């Protein structure tokens, strides 16, 4: 499937300077959002982004703050609980 995104001409140069390959950036952002909402699996993300390994897919997701197996909120909650546990033990 081919998806077309219309961006006003006066913004294209600025976006290009900030993101490089706009098409790839948009595709990766869509993949990260789809994974975070449990729409696609890690394997499906790997295929969508045409990556060689699941590790590469995890790396891309990580750049968007999406961590396989846990959401960012879950990771922060784990960190908070760990801190509370350490304080209680000490």
C-alpha atoms as a PDB file:
ATOM      1  CA  UNK A   1       0.000   0.000   0.000  1.00  0.00           C
ATOM      2  CA  UNK A   2       1.208   3.475  -0.800  1.00  0.00           C
ATOM      3  CA  UNK A   3       0.199   6.299   1.537  1.00  0.00           C
ATOM      4  CA  UNK A   4       0.573   9.909   0.471  1.00  0.00           C
ATOM      5  CA  UNK A   5       0.992  12.717   2.978  1.00  0.00           C
ATOM      6  CA  UNK A   6       0.501  16.308   1.903  1.00  0.00           C
ATOM      7  CA  UNK A   7       2.791  18.800   3.633  1.00  0.00           C
ATOM      8  CA  UNK A   8       2.672  22.509   2.848  1.00  0.00           C
ATOM      9  CA  UNK A   9       5.639  23.471   0.665  1.00  0.00           C
ATOM     10  CA  UNK A  10       6.832  26.116   3.114  1.00  0.00           C
ATOM     11  CA  UNK A  11       7.273  23.433   5.817  1.00  0.00           C
ATOM     12  CA  UNK A  12       8.973  20.728   3.765  1.00  0.00           C
ATOM     13  CA  UNK A  13      12.467  22.230   3.934  1.00  0.00           C
ATOM     14  CA  UNK A  14      12.252  22.815   7.678  1.00  0.00           C
ATOM     15  CA  UNK A  15      10.994  19.309   8.320  1.00  0.00           C
ATOM     16  CA  UNK A  16      13.657  17.868   6.034  1.00  0.00           C
ATOM     17  CA  UNK A  17      16.356  19.665   8.023  1.00  0.00           C
ATOM     18  CA  UNK A  18      14.980  18.332  11.290  1.00  0.00           C
ATOM     19  CA  UNK A  19      14.173  14.778  10.293  1.00  0.00           C
ATOM     20  CA  UNK A  20      16.094  13.860   7.164  1.00  0.00           C
ATOM     21  CA  UNK A  21      14.044  11.236   5.322  1.00  0.00           C
ATOM     22  CA  UNK A  22      10.476  12.337   6.018  1.00  0.00           C
ATOM     23  CA  UNK A  23       8.909   9.219   4.540  1.00  0.00           C
ATOM     24  CA  UNK A  24      10.997   6.926   6.724  1.00  0.00           C
ATOM     25  CA  UNK A  25      10.388   9.065   9.785  1.00  0.00           C
ATOM     26  CA  UNK A  26       6.629   8.948   9.218  1.00  0.00           C
ATOM     27  CA  UNK A  27       6.699   5.180   8.671  1.00  0.00           C
ATOM     28  CA  UNK A  28       8.712   4.597  11.858  1.00  0.00           C
ATOM     29  CA  UNK A  29       6.395   6.867  13.867  1.00  0.00           C
ATOM     30  CA  UNK A  30       3.372   4.948  12.560  1.00  0.00           C
ATOM     31  CA  UNK A  31       5.042   1.651  13.431  1.00  0.00           C
ATOM     32  CA  UNK A  32       5.822   2.831  16.960  1.00  0.00           C
ATOM     33  CA  UNK A  33       2.253   4.000  17.483  1.00  0.00           C
ATOM     34  CA  UNK A  34       0.851   0.739  16.109  1.00  0.00           C
ATOM     35  CA  UNK A  35       3.100  -1.311  18.392  1.00  0.00           C
ATOM     36  CA  UNK A  36       2.328   0.794  21.474  1.00  0.00           C
ATOM     37  CA  UNK A  37      -1.406   0.233  20.902  1.00  0.00           C
ATOM     38  CA  UNK A  38      -0.953  -3.523  20.345  1.00  0.00           C
ATOM     39  CA  UNK A  39      -2.104  -3.236  16.733  1.00  0.00           C
ATOM     40  CA  UNK A  40       1.053  -4.877  15.321  1.00  0.00           C
ATOM     41  CA  UNK A  41       3.533  -7.346  16.810  1.00  0.00           C
ATOM     42  CA  UNK A  42       7.289  -6.854  16.901  1.00  0.00           C
ATOM     43  CA  UNK A  43       7.642  -9.258  13.959  1.00  0.00           C
ATOM     44  CA  UNK A  44       5.081  -7.292  11.971  1.00  0.00           C
ATOM     45  CA  UNK A  45       6.945  -4.062  12.783  1.00  0.00           C
ATOM     46  CA  UNK A  46      10.189  -5.678  11.576  1.00  0.00           C
ATOM     47  CA  UNK A  47       8.519  -6.614   8.298  1.00  0.00           C
ATOM     48  CA  UNK A  48       6.814  -3.231   7.897  1.00  0.00           C
ATOM     49  CA  UNK A  49      10.126  -1.424   8.292  1.00  0.00           C
ATOM     50  CA  UNK A  50      11.972  -4.028   6.177  1.00  0.00           C
ATOM     51  CA  UNK A  51      14.521  -4.698   8.904  1.00  0.00           C
ATOM     52  CA  UNK A  52      16.785  -7.732   9.116  1.00  0.00           C
ATOM     53  CA  UNK A  53      16.228  -8.576  12.777  1.00  0.00           C
ATOM     54  CA  UNK A  54      13.900  -8.054  15.693  1.00  0.00           C
ATOM     55  CA  UNK A  55      16.767  -6.267  17.476  1.00  0.00           C
ATOM     56  CA  UNK A  56      16.723  -3.581  14.796  1.00  0.00           C
ATOM     57  CA  UNK A  57      12.960  -3.273  15.222  1.00  0.00           C
ATOM     58  CA  UNK A  58      13.402  -2.899  18.981  1.00  0.00           C
ATOM     59  CA  UNK A  59      16.015  -0.214  18.406  1.00  0.00           C
ATOM     60  CA  UNK A  60      13.636   1.777  16.194  1.00  0.00           C
ATOM     61  CA  UNK A  61      10.815   1.444  18.715  1.00  0.00           C
ATOM     62  CA  UNK A  62      13.157   2.540  21.496  1.00  0.00           C
ATOM     63  CA  UNK A  63      13.951   5.767  19.635  1.00  0.00           C
ATOM     64  CA  UNK A  64      10.235   6.528  19.857  1.00  0.00           C
ATOM     65  CA  UNK A  65      10.035   5.615  23.541  1.00  0.00           C
ATOM     66  CA  UNK A  66       8.203   2.351  22.897  1.00  0.00           C
ATOM     67  CA  UNK A  67       9.700  -0.649  24.642  1.00  0.00           C
ATOM     68  CA  UNK A  68       8.692  -4.185  23.700  1.00  0.00           C
ATOM     69  CA  UNK A  69       6.821  -5.886  26.499  1.00  0.00           C
ATOM     70  CA  UNK A  70       6.255  -2.753  28.545  1.00  0.00           C
ATOM     71  CA  UNK A  71       4.926   0.716  28.012  1.00  0.00           C
ATOM     72  CA  UNK A  72       6.900   3.765  29.123  1.00  0.00           C
ATOM     73  CA  UNK A  73       4.362   4.282  31.911  1.00  0.00           C
ATOM     74  CA  UNK A  74       4.933   0.711  33.130  1.00  0.00           C
ATOM     75  CA  UNK A  75       8.695   1.214  33.139  1.00  0.00           C
ATOM     76  CA  UNK A  76       8.362   4.443  35.124  1.00  0.00           C
ATOM     77  CA  UNK A  77       6.028   2.730  37.585  1.00  0.00           C
ATOM     78  CA  UNK A  78       8.536  -0.113  38.012  1.00  0.00           C
ATOM     79  CA  UNK A  79      11.287   2.428  38.665  1.00  0.00           C
ATOM     80  CA  UNK A  80       9.126   4.202  41.263  1.00  0.00           C
ATOM     81  CA  UNK A  81       8.334   0.930  43.034  1.00  0.00           C
ATOM     82  CA  UNK A  82      11.992  -0.087  42.974  1.00  0.00           C
ATOM     83  CA  UNK A  83      12.962   3.239  44.547  1.00  0.00           C
ATOM     84  CA  UNK A  84      10.314   2.828  47.249  1.00  0.00           C
ATOM     85  CA  UNK A  85      11.533  -0.713  47.942  1.00  0.00           C
ATOM     86  CA  UNK A  86      15.148   0.419  48.275  1.00  0.00           C
ATOM     87  CA  UNK A  87      14.153   3.179  50.675  1.00  0.00           C
ATOM     88  CA  UNK A  88      12.115   0.743  52.784  1.00  0.00           C
ATOM     89  CA  UNK A  89      14.988  -1.754  52.969  1.00  0.00           C
ATOM     90  CA  UNK A  90      17.609   0.828  53.881  1.00  0.00           C
END
